[in-house]
Amino acid sequence: MISEKILKCRECGRDFLFTPEEQAFYAAKGYGRPRRCKDCRRAARLSKTGRVYSGVCAACGKEARVGFRPSRETLVYCGDCWAQIAAERRSFKSARPRQGRK
C-alpha cells in the first residue's frame, strides 16, 4: 500500500502532499517525484505559453488564470475547482462497470 508523502517545493519552499493516486500516476508514466507543488507547476506551465489570461471561475467566481483567451461561451475554472472536477471525473470513470467487447 502506498502512503501519502510530504515533499518540499524547490520553487517556493512550501511543503506539499504527494498523494497515493499521484504516486501511482507518476509511476505509470515513468516519472520521478515532482519537484514543485501544484501551484508552481501550474505557473511554470502557463509561463511556457508566453501569455496568461484572466477569467472568472465558472464554479466559485474567483479569478481563473489560463493559457488561452477565454470567450463568453468557454467555461474556465480556477486551479482548485479544476482539480476537484478532474478528481470527480476520475472517480466516476473508475466506478463505472466495464462492458466486454462483442
C-alpha atoms as a PDB file:
ATOM      1  CA  MET A   1       0.000   0.000   0.000  1.00  0.00           C
ATOM      2  CA  ILE A   2       1.302   3.412  -0.969  1.00  0.00           C
ATOM      3  CA  SER A   3       1.162   6.073   1.727  1.00  0.00           C
ATOM      4  CA  GLU A   4       0.979   9.854   1.422  1.00  0.00           C
ATOM      5  CA  LYS A   5       4.297  11.691   1.323  1.00  0.00           C
ATOM      6  CA  ILE A   6       5.170  15.253   2.242  1.00  0.00           C
ATOM      7  CA  LEU A   7       7.577  16.850  -0.241  1.00  0.00           C
ATOM      8  CA  LYS A   8       9.194  20.304  -0.309  1.00  0.00           C
ATOM      9  CA  CYS A   9       8.724  22.512  -3.380  1.00  0.00           C
ATOM     10  CA  ARG A  10      12.032  23.646  -4.895  1.00  0.00           C
ATOM     11  CA  GLU A  11      10.442  26.892  -6.160  1.00  0.00           C
ATOM     12  CA  CYS A  12       8.504  28.280  -3.206  1.00  0.00           C
ATOM     13  CA  GLY A  13       9.869  26.089  -0.398  1.00  0.00           C
ATOM     14  CA  ARG A  14       6.423  25.061   0.888  1.00  0.00           C
ATOM     15  CA  ASP A  15       5.594  21.505   1.872  1.00  0.00           C
ATOM     16  CA  PHE A  16       3.050  19.771  -0.340  1.00  0.00           C
ATOM     17  CA  LEU A  17       1.246  16.441  -0.278  1.00  0.00           C
ATOM     18  CA  PHE A  18       2.127  13.708  -2.791  1.00  0.00           C
ATOM     19  CA  THR A  19      -0.981  11.516  -2.681  1.00  0.00           C
ATOM     20  CA  PRO A  20      -1.075   7.762  -3.402  1.00  0.00           C
ATOM     21  CA  GLU A  21      -3.135   8.481  -6.541  1.00  0.00           C
ATOM     22  CA  GLU A  22      -0.489  10.921  -7.794  1.00  0.00           C
ATOM     23  CA  GLN A  23       2.262   8.434  -6.958  1.00  0.00           C
ATOM     24  CA  ALA A  24       0.504   5.721  -8.982  1.00  0.00           C
ATOM     25  CA  PHE A  25       0.042   8.122 -11.915  1.00  0.00           C
ATOM     26  CA  TYR A  26       3.696   9.197 -11.834  1.00  0.00           C
ATOM     27  CA  ALA A  27       4.848   5.567 -11.634  1.00  0.00           C
ATOM     28  CA  ALA A  28       2.614   4.538 -14.562  1.00  0.00           C
ATOM     29  CA  LYS A  29       4.061   7.331 -16.699  1.00  0.00           C
ATOM     30  CA  GLY A  30       7.631   6.536 -15.622  1.00  0.00           C
ATOM     31  CA  TYR A  31       8.129   9.902 -13.916  1.00  0.00           C
ATOM     32  CA  GLY A  32      10.113  10.508 -10.741  1.00  0.00           C
ATOM     33  CA  ARG A  33       8.829  12.525  -7.796  1.00  0.00           C
ATOM     34  CA  PRO A  34       7.534  16.020  -8.534  1.00  0.00           C
ATOM     35  CA  ARG A  35       9.931  18.772  -7.522  1.00  0.00           C
ATOM     36  CA  ARG A  36       7.357  21.551  -7.443  1.00  0.00           C
ATOM     37  CA  CYS A  37       3.969  21.966  -5.750  1.00  0.00           C
ATOM     38  CA  LYS A  38       0.844  22.080  -7.920  1.00  0.00           C
ATOM     39  CA  ASP A  39       0.715  25.890  -7.874  1.00  0.00           C
ATOM     40  CA  CYS A  40       4.334  26.230  -9.029  1.00  0.00           C
ATOM     41  CA  ARG A  41       3.859  23.519 -11.701  1.00  0.00           C
ATOM     42  CA  ARG A  42       0.780  25.341 -12.981  1.00  0.00           C
ATOM     43  CA  ALA A  43       2.638  28.679 -13.037  1.00  0.00           C
ATOM     44  CA  ALA A  44       5.558  27.113 -14.936  1.00  0.00           C
ATOM     45  CA  ARG A  45       3.169  25.548 -17.467  1.00  0.00           C
ATOM     46  CA  LEU A  46       1.372  28.854 -18.003  1.00  0.00           C
ATOM     47  CA  SER A  47       4.625  30.778 -18.381  1.00  0.00           C
ATOM     48  CA  LYS A  48       5.686  28.418 -21.206  1.00  0.00           C
ATOM     49  CA  THR A  49       2.767  29.612 -23.320  1.00  0.00           C
ATOM     50  CA  GLY A  50       4.053  33.171 -23.035  1.00  0.00           C
ATOM     51  CA  ARG A  51       0.628  34.584 -22.246  1.00  0.00           C
ATOM     52  CA  VAL A  52      -1.596  34.290 -19.244  1.00  0.00           C
ATOM     53  CA  TYR A  53      -5.211  35.380 -19.414  1.00  0.00           C
ATOM     54  CA  SER A  54      -7.579  36.080 -16.602  1.00  0.00           C
ATOM     55  CA  GLY A  55     -11.185  34.973 -16.384  1.00  0.00           C
ATOM     56  CA  VAL A  56     -13.850  34.256 -13.799  1.00  0.00           C
ATOM     57  CA  CYS A  57     -14.150  30.714 -12.478  1.00  0.00           C
ATOM     58  CA  ALA A  58     -17.478  29.217 -13.537  1.00  0.00           C
ATOM     59  CA  ALA A  59     -17.746  27.265 -10.261  1.00  0.00           C
ATOM     60  CA  CYS A  60     -16.680  29.620  -7.472  1.00  0.00           C
ATOM     61  CA  GLY A  61     -16.349  33.074  -9.056  1.00  0.00           C
ATOM     62  CA  LYS A  62     -12.675  33.568  -8.138  1.00  0.00           C
ATOM     63  CA  GLU A  63     -10.056  34.651 -10.665  1.00  0.00           C
ATOM     64  CA  ALA A  64      -9.022  31.886 -13.061  1.00  0.00           C
ATOM     65  CA  ARG A  65      -5.665  32.255 -14.814  1.00  0.00           C
ATOM     66  CA  VAL A  66      -5.487  30.286 -18.062  1.00  0.00           C
ATOM     67  CA  GLY A  67      -3.148  29.973 -21.044  1.00  0.00           C
ATOM     68  CA  PHE A  68      -5.818  30.820 -23.637  1.00  0.00           C
ATOM     69  CA  ARG A  69      -8.091  33.783 -24.250  1.00  0.00           C
ATOM     70  CA  PRO A  70     -11.442  32.772 -22.726  1.00  0.00           C
ATOM     71  CA  SER A  71     -14.528  33.603 -24.786  1.00  0.00           C
ATOM     72  CA  ARG A  72     -18.017  34.097 -23.428  1.00  0.00           C
ATOM     73  CA  GLU A  73     -19.002  30.551 -24.427  1.00  0.00           C
ATOM     74  CA  THR A  74     -15.966  28.929 -22.801  1.00  0.00           C
ATOM     75  CA  LEU A  75     -16.162  27.883 -19.176  1.00  0.00           C
ATOM     76  CA  VAL A  76     -12.961  28.448 -17.228  1.00  0.00           C
ATOM     77  CA  TYR A  77     -12.142  27.180 -13.774  1.00  0.00           C
ATOM     78  CA  CYS A  78      -9.613  28.191 -11.154  1.00  0.00           C
ATOM     79  CA  GLY A  79      -6.972  25.604 -10.298  1.00  0.00           C
ATOM     80  CA  ASP A  80      -8.755  24.393  -7.158  1.00  0.00           C
ATOM     81  CA  CYS A  81     -12.113  23.862  -8.871  1.00  0.00           C
ATOM     82  CA  TRP A  82     -10.489  22.221 -11.885  1.00  0.00           C
ATOM     83  CA  ALA A  83      -8.621  19.788  -9.619  1.00  0.00           C
ATOM     84  CA  GLN A  84     -11.883  18.897  -7.884  1.00  0.00           C
ATOM     85  CA  ILE A  85     -13.692  18.377 -11.197  1.00  0.00           C
ATOM     86  CA  ALA A  86     -10.862  16.204 -12.534  1.00  0.00           C
ATOM     87  CA  ALA A  87     -10.843  14.087  -9.359  1.00  0.00           C
ATOM     88  CA  GLU A  88     -14.614  13.591  -9.607  1.00  0.00           C
ATOM     89  CA  ARG A  89     -14.271  12.547 -13.261  1.00  0.00           C
ATOM     90  CA  ARG A  90     -11.556  10.035 -12.398  1.00  0.00           C
ATOM     91  CA  SER A  91     -13.587   8.530  -9.549  1.00  0.00           C
ATOM     92  CA  PHE A  92     -16.700   8.333 -11.748  1.00  0.00           C
ATOM     93  CA  LYS A  93     -14.724   6.722 -14.539  1.00  0.00           C
ATOM     94  CA  SER A  94     -13.169   4.106 -12.221  1.00  0.00           C
ATOM     95  CA  ALA A  95     -16.544   3.344 -10.578  1.00  0.00           C
ATOM     96  CA  ARG A  96     -18.272   2.621 -13.899  1.00  0.00           C
ATOM     97  CA  PRO A  97     -18.602  -1.072 -14.707  1.00  0.00           C
ATOM     98  CA  ARG A  98     -16.705  -2.072 -17.806  1.00  0.00           C
ATOM     99  CA  GLN A  99     -18.624  -3.718 -20.578  1.00  0.00           C
ATOM    100  CA  GLY A 100     -16.984  -6.504 -22.550  1.00  0.00           C
ATOM    101  CA  ARG A 101     -16.498  -6.361 -26.287  1.00  0.00           C
ATOM    102  CA  LYS A 102     -18.713  -8.389 -28.560  1.00  0.00           C
END
